[in-house]
């Protein structure tokens, strides 16, 4: 059988509704739509069961919500959930989904919050319907093209450290502090990577990967696909016959803070810089013939290590108390992830390989060091990383980072510990091995 690909797309824009939460409740509810959101993806057919990749313009899809997306898309594609990878692009003025957390809050605050689940169900259904329709228009993949290009003046490391390595300031994606904006970029991956599917001379679908927090100005309640969405729209305007899908890489400790003071006009400047990098990666890409035998898929289910102090019954009761005292969605998310962990349900990682290109699909808000390490595991080859898969673990730092302090390394939703680095590095090595 030859390789084939089908593209699908559905609207993921929330209604204007005070009960639809943005950024897990950290942003005012929807008051205006600046630009539409979408769920975009592909189905790849080979000699094995189909594979589905999907990128959604939401801040995060966690735990039971992530399971539901994968289950429904798998049914639509005629495959198994283990061969479906769903990712968020993490724009902050967008919806966020953890249906277990919503159900927990509803027990105290009433059923209004369950509107979020109803909205998510509608988007999942419309995305699955779009996928089914797309299957009728699958096209043969004869070649892929691969390329990368530097993105200037966008990404910078968020963790500003003193000479002893301790984090003294978090340079968030919008940084009003001029002193810390002048610090160096720090550790980043400066490249956007491009993989495009071709049917002979016809470009079909372009997929791009770049590691950064994608927001510019935010927490306004105005829904937007933000910098990455605008960059994608710019590429569509220039290459309208090609479908465009973007994935955010390991950007947990990366943002635009060095180049962004939060001024609204910077959204368009940053988007144009990313779009320029996408274009240069496209224009300098190398085209390679591929056949079904060049395609492979691997997946692993891992239970990530967490701090033992959260695993006891007393800790769970304390979290439940915080939820019902403060109506805290953050604590409800923590409880959702802990219960998932205790049940033995892990998170899935996967790798799709086509010829010389490996595409790693990872959970949570990974630090960029994981992306750089994955690329070093296959020197001379193209390794692309999509993070923000199952958002349940939230931030996932390195072993060193947990001793340095700072916002991202604090006890967060997923309660990570330094040992998580060894677990993930070994998993990536296994996924990338032939």
Protein backbone atom coordinates (compact mmCIF):
# COMPACT_ATOMS: atom_id res chain seq x y z
CA UNK A 1 0.00 0.00 0.00
CA UNK A 2 1.21 3.52 -0.77
CA UNK A 3 1.35 6.26 1.84
CA UNK A 4 -1.71 8.51 1.86
CA UNK A 5 -2.73 11.55 3.88
CA UNK A 6 -6.04 13.27 4.58
CA UNK A 7 -6.38 16.76 6.09
CA UNK A 8 -9.23 17.80 8.38
CA UNK A 9 -10.18 21.06 10.07
CA UNK A 10 -12.99 22.19 12.38
CA UNK A 11 -13.92 25.37 14.22
CA UNK A 12 -12.86 25.44 17.89
CA UNK A 13 -13.95 28.99 18.74
CA UNK A 14 -15.93 29.32 21.98
CA UNK A 15 -19.20 31.20 22.17
CA UNK A 16 -19.30 34.53 24.00
CA UNK A 17 -20.31 33.16 27.37
CA UNK A 18 -19.20 34.09 30.90
CA UNK A 19 -19.21 30.43 31.88
CA UNK A 20 -16.72 29.29 29.23
CA UNK A 21 -13.33 29.50 30.93
CA UNK A 22 -10.15 30.68 29.26
CA UNK A 23 -6.72 29.55 30.45
CA UNK A 24 -8.11 27.28 33.19
CA UNK A 25 -9.86 30.23 34.82
CA UNK A 26 -6.74 32.43 34.87
CA UNK A 27 -8.22 34.73 32.24
CA UNK A 28 -11.61 36.50 32.19
CA UNK A 29 -14.26 34.48 30.38
CA UNK A 30 -14.98 35.07 26.73
CA UNK A 31 -16.07 38.66 26.06
CA UNK A 32 -14.98 39.08 22.43
CA UNK A 33 -13.63 37.04 19.50
CA UNK A 34 -10.60 38.67 17.89
CA UNK A 35 -9.96 35.82 15.45
CA UNK A 36 -11.28 32.26 15.12
CA UNK A 37 -9.73 29.14 16.61
CA UNK A 38 -9.43 25.81 14.86
CA UNK A 39 -8.63 22.14 15.34
CA UNK A 40 -6.46 20.93 12.46
CA UNK A 41 -5.02 17.55 11.74
CA UNK A 42 -4.04 14.75 9.43
CA UNK A 43 -4.74 11.06 9.04
CA UNK A 44 -1.88 9.02 7.58
CA UNK A 45 -2.52 5.68 5.91
CA UNK A 46 0.24 3.09 5.52
CA UNK A 47 0.54 -0.68 5.77
CA UNK A 48 -0.54 -0.39 9.43
CA UNK A 49 -3.55 1.12 11.19
CA UNK A 50 -4.07 4.84 10.46
CA UNK A 51 -2.29 7.50 12.51
CA UNK A 52 -3.99 10.76 13.52
CA UNK A 53 -2.22 13.99 14.49
CA UNK A 54 -4.28 16.95 15.67
CA UNK A 55 -3.37 20.48 16.81
CA UNK A 56 -5.99 22.55 18.65
CA UNK A 57 -5.95 26.31 19.28
CA UNK A 58 -6.57 25.86 23.02
CA UNK A 59 -4.36 26.46 26.02
CA UNK A 60 -4.51 22.86 27.20
CA UNK A 61 -6.43 19.57 27.05
CA UNK A 62 -5.86 17.47 30.15
CA UNK A 63 -6.53 14.05 31.61
CA UNK A 64 -10.05 12.75 30.89
CA UNK A 65 -10.60 15.46 28.26
CA UNK A 66 -7.48 14.36 26.40
CA UNK A 67 -8.64 10.74 26.59
CA UNK A 68 -11.99 11.71 25.08
CA UNK A 69 -10.43 13.55 22.14
CA UNK A 70 -8.24 10.58 21.28
CA UNK A 71 -11.01 8.02 21.70
CA UNK A 72 -13.50 9.85 19.45
CA UNK A 73 -10.94 10.70 16.74
CA UNK A 74 -9.69 7.09 16.79
CA UNK A 75 -13.22 5.80 16.15
CA UNK A 76 -13.67 8.28 13.30
CA UNK A 77 -10.38 7.24 11.68
CA UNK A 78 -10.79 3.50 12.22
CA UNK A 79 -7.73 3.20 14.43
CA UNK A 80 -6.79 2.86 18.10
CA UNK A 81 -6.34 5.74 20.60
CA UNK A 82 -2.65 4.80 20.96
CA UNK A 83 -2.21 5.92 17.34
CA UNK A 84 -3.84 9.31 17.91
CA UNK A 85 -1.85 12.30 19.18
CA UNK A 86 -3.70 15.48 20.16
CA UNK A 87 -1.86 18.68 21.05
CA UNK A 88 -2.73 22.19 22.16
CA UNK A 89 -0.99 25.29 20.86
CA UNK A 90 -1.26 26.92 24.33
CA UNK A 91 -2.49 30.38 23.37
CA UNK A 92 -3.59 31.90 26.70
CA UNK A 93 -6.78 33.67 25.64
CA UNK A 94 -8.36 30.38 24.58
CA UNK A 95 -10.38 27.60 26.24
CA UNK A 96 -8.84 25.02 28.52
CA UNK A 97 -10.26 21.59 29.19
CA UNK A 98 -10.07 19.13 32.08
CA UNK A 99 -13.53 17.61 32.42
CA UNK A 100 -12.73 15.79 35.66
CA UNK A 101 -11.77 19.10 37.25
CA UNK A 102 -14.95 20.75 35.95
CA UNK A 103 -17.06 17.92 37.36
CA UNK A 104 -15.35 18.31 40.74
CA UNK A 105 -16.02 22.06 40.88
CA UNK A 106 -19.64 21.53 39.81
CA UNK A 107 -20.31 19.62 43.04
CA UNK A 108 -19.95 22.89 44.92
CA UNK A 109 -20.55 25.72 42.49
CA UNK A 110 -23.36 24.20 40.42
CA UNK A 111 -23.68 22.94 36.89
CA UNK A 112 -22.89 26.16 35.00
CA UNK A 113 -19.24 25.14 34.80
CA UNK A 114 -20.32 22.00 32.93
CA UNK A 115 -21.01 24.25 29.93
CA UNK A 116 -17.28 23.88 29.29
CA UNK A 117 -17.71 20.13 28.83
CA UNK A 118 -20.74 20.63 26.58
CA UNK A 119 -18.71 23.02 24.43
CA UNK A 120 -15.78 20.60 24.29
CA UNK A 121 -18.08 17.75 23.26
CA UNK A 122 -19.45 19.85 20.38
CA UNK A 123 -15.94 20.64 19.13
CA UNK A 124 -14.79 17.02 19.44
CA UNK A 125 -17.86 15.88 17.49
CA UNK A 126 -17.40 18.46 14.72
CA UNK A 127 -13.68 17.61 14.49
CA UNK A 128 -14.48 13.90 14.20
CA UNK A 129 -17.07 14.65 11.52
CA UNK A 130 -14.53 16.72 9.59
CA UNK A 131 -12.07 13.84 9.87
CA UNK A 132 -14.60 11.35 8.49
CA UNK A 133 -15.36 13.57 5.50
CA UNK A 134 -11.64 14.07 4.86
CA UNK A 135 -11.07 10.33 4.49
CA UNK A 136 -12.86 10.45 1.15
CA UNK A 137 -10.24 12.89 -0.16
CA UNK A 138 -7.03 11.22 1.00
CA UNK A 139 -4.14 11.80 -1.41
CA UNK A 140 -1.00 9.82 -2.07
CA UNK A 141 2.27 10.91 -0.47
CA UNK A 142 5.10 10.49 -2.96
CA UNK A 143 7.61 12.84 -1.27
CA UNK A 144 8.21 14.84 1.85
CA UNK A 145 10.25 18.01 2.14
CA UNK A 146 12.21 18.94 5.25
CA UNK A 147 13.73 22.25 6.21
CA UNK A 148 14.49 24.56 9.09
CA UNK A 149 15.19 28.27 9.51
CA UNK A 150 16.14 30.62 12.32
CA UNK A 151 13.41 32.78 13.85
CA UNK A 152 14.91 36.09 14.87
CA UNK A 153 13.82 38.11 17.91
CA UNK A 154 11.04 35.90 19.23
CA UNK A 155 12.06 33.18 21.68
CA UNK A 156 13.92 33.82 24.92
CA UNK A 157 14.40 31.79 28.08
CA UNK A 158 12.05 32.81 30.88
CA UNK A 159 14.34 31.80 33.75
CA UNK A 160 16.80 34.59 34.64
CA UNK A 161 19.49 33.23 36.97
CA UNK A 162 22.08 34.67 39.33
CA UNK A 163 25.78 33.61 39.12
CA UNK A 164 25.01 30.63 41.39
CA UNK A 165 22.32 29.37 39.01
CA UNK A 166 19.33 30.30 41.18
CA UNK A 167 16.33 31.78 39.37
CA UNK A 168 15.90 35.42 40.43
CA UNK A 169 13.25 36.50 37.90
CA UNK A 170 10.74 34.87 35.57
CA UNK A 171 10.73 36.77 32.28
CA UNK A 172 7.20 35.94 31.25
CA UNK A 173 6.06 36.11 27.63
CA UNK A 174 5.02 39.73 28.14
CA UNK A 175 7.72 41.41 30.25
CA UNK A 176 7.37 45.04 31.31
CA UNK A 177 10.68 45.01 33.21
CA UNK A 178 13.18 46.71 30.91
CA UNK A 179 16.21 45.50 32.88
CA UNK A 180 15.34 41.83 32.45
CA UNK A 181 14.32 42.33 28.82
CA UNK A 182 17.95 43.28 28.18
CA UNK A 183 19.29 39.99 29.55
CA UNK A 184 20.45 37.47 26.94
CA UNK A 185 18.10 35.10 25.14
CA UNK A 186 19.46 32.24 27.22
CA UNK A 187 18.96 28.58 26.24
CA UNK A 188 16.45 28.30 23.38
CA UNK A 189 15.95 26.38 20.16
CA UNK A 190 16.06 29.23 17.61
CA UNK A 191 14.81 27.16 14.66
CA UNK A 192 11.38 26.55 13.21
CA UNK A 193 11.22 23.17 11.47
CA UNK A 194 9.09 22.34 8.45
CA UNK A 195 7.82 19.02 7.12
CA UNK A 196 5.64 19.08 4.00
CA UNK A 197 3.79 16.21 2.30
CA UNK A 198 3.78 16.11 -1.51
CA UNK A 199 1.90 14.23 -4.18
CA UNK A 200 4.54 14.42 -6.90
CA UNK A 201 4.92 18.17 -7.59
CA UNK A 202 1.86 19.17 -5.60
CA UNK A 203 2.45 20.32 -1.98
CA UNK A 204 -0.38 19.01 0.19
CA UNK A 205 0.16 19.80 3.86
CA UNK A 206 2.83 21.83 5.64
CA UNK A 207 3.54 21.08 9.30
CA UNK A 208 5.74 23.45 11.31
CA UNK A 209 7.26 23.17 14.80
CA UNK A 210 8.63 25.94 17.03
CA UNK A 211 9.35 26.01 20.77
CA UNK A 212 7.92 28.98 22.65
CA UNK A 213 4.97 30.19 24.65
CA UNK A 214 2.82 31.64 21.84
CA UNK A 215 0.98 34.51 23.50
CA UNK A 216 1.79 38.22 23.15
CA UNK A 217 -0.61 40.39 25.16
CA UNK A 218 -3.17 38.33 27.00
CA UNK A 219 -5.56 37.85 29.92
CA UNK A 220 -8.06 40.22 28.32
CA UNK A 221 -10.90 37.77 27.65
CA UNK A 222 -10.52 38.39 23.91
CA UNK A 223 -10.20 35.05 22.14
CA UNK A 224 -7.31 34.84 19.68
CA UNK A 225 -5.10 32.25 18.01
CA UNK A 226 -2.35 34.78 18.81
CA UNK A 227 1.14 34.86 17.31
CA UNK A 228 1.25 31.27 16.08
CA UNK A 229 -2.25 31.48 14.62
CA UNK A 230 -1.48 34.76 12.84
CA UNK A 231 1.77 33.31 11.46
CA UNK A 232 -0.17 30.32 10.19
CA UNK A 233 -2.75 32.61 8.56
CA UNK A 234 0.06 34.57 6.86
CA UNK A 235 1.47 31.36 5.41
CA UNK A 236 -2.00 30.37 4.18
CA UNK A 237 -2.30 33.71 2.42
CA UNK A 238 0.98 33.13 0.57
CA UNK A 239 0.49 29.38 -0.08
CA UNK A 240 -3.33 29.08 -0.28
CA UNK A 241 -3.32 25.69 -2.05
CA UNK A 242 -1.41 24.07 0.82
CA UNK A 243 -2.90 23.21 4.20
CA UNK A 244 -0.98 24.50 7.21
CA UNK A 245 -0.71 22.93 10.67
CA UNK A 246 1.50 24.27 13.45
CA UNK A 247 2.71 22.56 16.63
CA UNK A 248 4.30 24.21 19.66
CA UNK A 249 7.49 22.51 20.72
CA UNK A 250 9.01 22.24 24.20
CA UNK A 251 8.33 25.83 25.22
CA UNK A 252 7.61 25.45 28.94
CA UNK A 253 10.53 27.70 29.90
CA UNK A 254 10.52 29.75 26.69
CA UNK A 255 8.58 32.91 25.82
CA UNK A 256 8.88 36.19 23.94
CA UNK A 257 9.67 38.28 27.05
CA UNK A 258 12.98 39.66 25.79
CA UNK A 259 11.24 41.07 22.72
CA UNK A 260 7.78 41.79 24.07
CA UNK A 261 6.69 44.33 26.68
CA UNK A 262 3.06 43.35 26.22
CA UNK A 263 2.16 46.09 23.73
CA UNK A 264 -0.65 44.92 21.41
CA UNK A 265 1.33 45.81 18.27
CA UNK A 266 3.99 43.26 19.21
CA UNK A 267 1.57 40.43 18.47
CA UNK A 268 1.82 41.24 14.77
CA UNK A 269 5.58 41.82 14.86
CA UNK A 270 6.19 38.44 16.50
CA UNK A 271 3.76 36.70 14.14
CA UNK A 272 5.54 38.17 11.12
CA UNK A 273 8.94 37.01 12.42
CA UNK A 274 7.65 33.47 12.89
CA UNK A 275 5.94 33.51 9.48
CA UNK A 276 9.21 34.66 7.90
CA UNK A 277 11.01 31.72 9.49
CA UNK A 278 8.27 29.34 8.30
CA UNK A 279 8.64 30.70 4.77
CA UNK A 280 12.44 30.37 4.79
CA UNK A 281 12.19 26.80 6.11
CA UNK A 282 9.76 26.03 3.26
CA UNK A 283 11.89 27.71 0.58
CA UNK A 284 15.12 26.00 1.65
CA UNK A 285 13.60 22.57 2.27
CA UNK A 286 14.90 19.39 0.63
CA UNK A 287 12.45 17.09 -1.13
CA UNK A 288 12.79 13.33 -0.51
CA UNK A 289 10.84 10.41 -2.06
CA UNK A 290 9.07 8.15 0.45
CA UNK A 291 7.14 4.88 0.40
CA UNK A 292 5.03 3.02 2.96
CA UNK A 293 8.08 1.09 4.19
CA UNK A 294 9.63 4.43 5.25
CA UNK A 295 6.82 5.03 7.75
CA UNK A 296 6.70 3.83 11.36
CA UNK A 297 4.90 4.63 14.60
CA UNK A 298 5.93 3.91 18.18
CA UNK A 299 4.13 4.79 21.40
CA UNK A 300 4.86 4.42 25.11
CA UNK A 301 2.60 4.85 28.13
CA UNK A 302 4.42 6.25 31.15
CA UNK A 303 3.46 7.01 34.72
CA UNK A 304 5.56 10.07 35.45
CA UNK A 305 7.10 10.33 38.93
CA UNK A 306 5.50 12.84 41.29
CA UNK A 307 6.23 14.07 44.80
CA UNK A 308 5.25 11.36 47.29
CA UNK A 309 3.90 13.94 49.72
CA UNK A 310 0.86 14.32 47.46
CA UNK A 311 0.03 10.63 47.25
CA UNK A 312 -1.34 9.98 50.74
CA UNK A 313 -5.01 10.10 51.68
CA UNK A 314 -4.37 13.06 53.97
CA UNK A 315 -2.91 15.08 51.11
CA UNK A 316 -5.88 14.28 48.90
CA UNK A 317 -8.32 15.38 51.61
CA UNK A 318 -6.38 18.64 52.00
CA UNK A 319 -6.63 19.30 48.27
CA UNK A 320 -10.35 18.54 48.34
CA UNK A 321 -10.74 21.00 51.24
CA UNK A 322 -8.95 23.71 49.24
CA UNK A 323 -11.23 23.07 46.27
CA UNK A 324 -14.41 23.43 48.28
CA UNK A 325 -13.17 26.35 50.39
CA UNK A 326 -11.81 28.42 47.51
CA UNK A 327 -13.63 26.97 44.49
CA UNK A 328 -10.14 26.54 43.03
CA UNK A 329 -9.96 25.11 39.54
CA UNK A 330 -6.19 24.86 39.96
CA UNK A 331 -6.58 22.50 42.90
CA UNK A 332 -9.31 20.60 41.05
CA UNK A 333 -6.85 20.06 38.20
CA UNK A 334 -4.24 18.84 40.67
CA UNK A 335 -6.72 16.38 42.14
CA UNK A 336 -7.72 15.23 38.66
CA UNK A 337 -4.10 14.42 37.77
CA UNK A 338 -3.37 12.77 41.13
CA UNK A 339 -6.37 10.49 40.84
CA UNK A 340 -5.33 9.57 37.33
CA UNK A 341 -1.85 8.78 38.63
CA UNK A 342 -3.18 6.64 41.47
CA UNK A 343 -5.42 4.71 39.08
CA UNK A 344 -2.33 3.66 37.12
CA UNK A 345 -3.24 5.60 34.00
CA UNK A 346 -0.15 7.14 32.52
CA UNK A 347 0.45 9.61 29.73
CA UNK A 348 1.29 8.59 26.17
CA UNK A 349 4.40 9.60 24.24
CA UNK A 350 4.85 8.66 20.61
CA UNK A 351 7.13 9.03 17.63
CA UNK A 352 6.14 9.09 13.98
CA UNK A 353 8.97 8.46 11.56
CA UNK A 354 8.88 9.11 7.81
CA UNK A 355 12.18 8.55 6.07
CA UNK A 356 14.84 10.69 7.78
CA UNK A 357 12.34 12.67 9.88
CA UNK A 358 11.24 11.80 13.43
CA UNK A 359 8.29 13.60 15.01
CA UNK A 360 8.10 13.22 18.79
CA UNK A 361 4.78 13.80 20.55
CA UNK A 362 5.17 14.75 24.21
CA UNK A 363 2.95 15.65 27.18
CA UNK A 364 2.78 18.80 29.28
CA UNK A 365 4.81 21.99 29.23
CA UNK A 366 8.26 20.55 28.63
CA UNK A 367 11.41 22.57 29.10
CA UNK A 368 13.32 23.23 25.87
CA UNK A 369 16.24 21.12 27.10
CA UNK A 370 14.20 18.00 26.24
CA UNK A 371 13.82 19.14 22.65
CA UNK A 372 17.52 19.91 22.32
CA UNK A 373 18.40 16.54 23.86
CA UNK A 374 16.10 14.69 21.45
CA UNK A 375 17.77 16.37 18.49
CA UNK A 376 21.20 15.41 19.84
CA UNK A 377 20.09 11.77 19.96
CA UNK A 378 19.91 11.67 16.14
CA UNK A 379 22.65 14.02 14.95
CA UNK A 380 22.42 14.93 11.30
CA UNK A 381 18.72 14.00 11.10
CA UNK A 382 15.55 16.05 11.48
CA UNK A 383 13.83 15.67 14.85
CA UNK A 384 10.64 17.69 15.37
CA UNK A 385 8.90 17.90 18.72
CA UNK A 386 5.26 18.65 19.50
CA UNK A 387 4.69 19.23 23.22
CA UNK A 388 1.46 20.18 25.02
CA UNK A 389 -0.08 16.75 24.44
CA UNK A 390 -1.86 15.55 27.59
CA UNK A 391 -1.71 18.74 29.67
CA UNK A 392 -2.30 16.90 32.96
CA UNK A 393 1.34 17.05 34.16
CA UNK A 394 1.56 20.81 33.41
CA UNK A 395 5.20 22.04 33.67
CA UNK A 396 7.88 19.37 33.29
CA UNK A 397 11.34 20.68 34.12
CA UNK A 398 14.79 19.17 34.16
CA UNK A 399 16.45 17.65 37.22
CA UNK A 400 18.73 20.69 37.49
CA UNK A 401 15.82 23.13 37.22
CA UNK A 402 14.09 21.76 40.34
CA UNK A 403 17.10 22.81 42.40
CA UNK A 404 17.20 26.28 40.85
CA UNK A 405 13.73 27.36 41.92
CA UNK A 406 11.55 29.69 39.91
CA UNK A 407 7.92 29.67 38.83
CA UNK A 408 8.02 26.70 36.47
CA UNK A 409 9.87 24.45 38.93
CA UNK A 410 7.51 25.07 41.85
CA UNK A 411 5.12 22.32 42.94
CA UNK A 412 2.60 22.66 40.13
CA UNK A 413 -0.40 20.70 38.97
CA UNK A 414 1.58 17.59 38.06
CA UNK A 415 3.75 17.64 41.22
CA UNK A 416 6.92 16.76 39.27
CA UNK A 417 10.24 15.71 40.81
CA UNK A 418 13.82 15.66 39.43
CA UNK A 419 13.57 11.96 38.55
CA UNK A 420 11.18 12.85 35.72
CA UNK A 421 14.16 13.83 33.55
CA UNK A 422 15.67 10.34 33.58
CA UNK A 423 12.28 8.77 32.80
CA UNK A 424 11.62 11.06 29.83
CA UNK A 425 15.15 10.96 28.43
CA UNK A 426 15.09 7.16 28.41
CA UNK A 427 11.65 7.19 26.79
CA UNK A 428 12.76 9.57 24.04
CA UNK A 429 15.81 7.43 23.38
CA UNK A 430 13.61 4.35 23.03
CA UNK A 431 11.13 6.12 20.74
CA UNK A 432 13.87 7.45 18.49
CA UNK A 433 15.71 4.13 18.22
CA UNK A 434 15.19 2.09 15.05
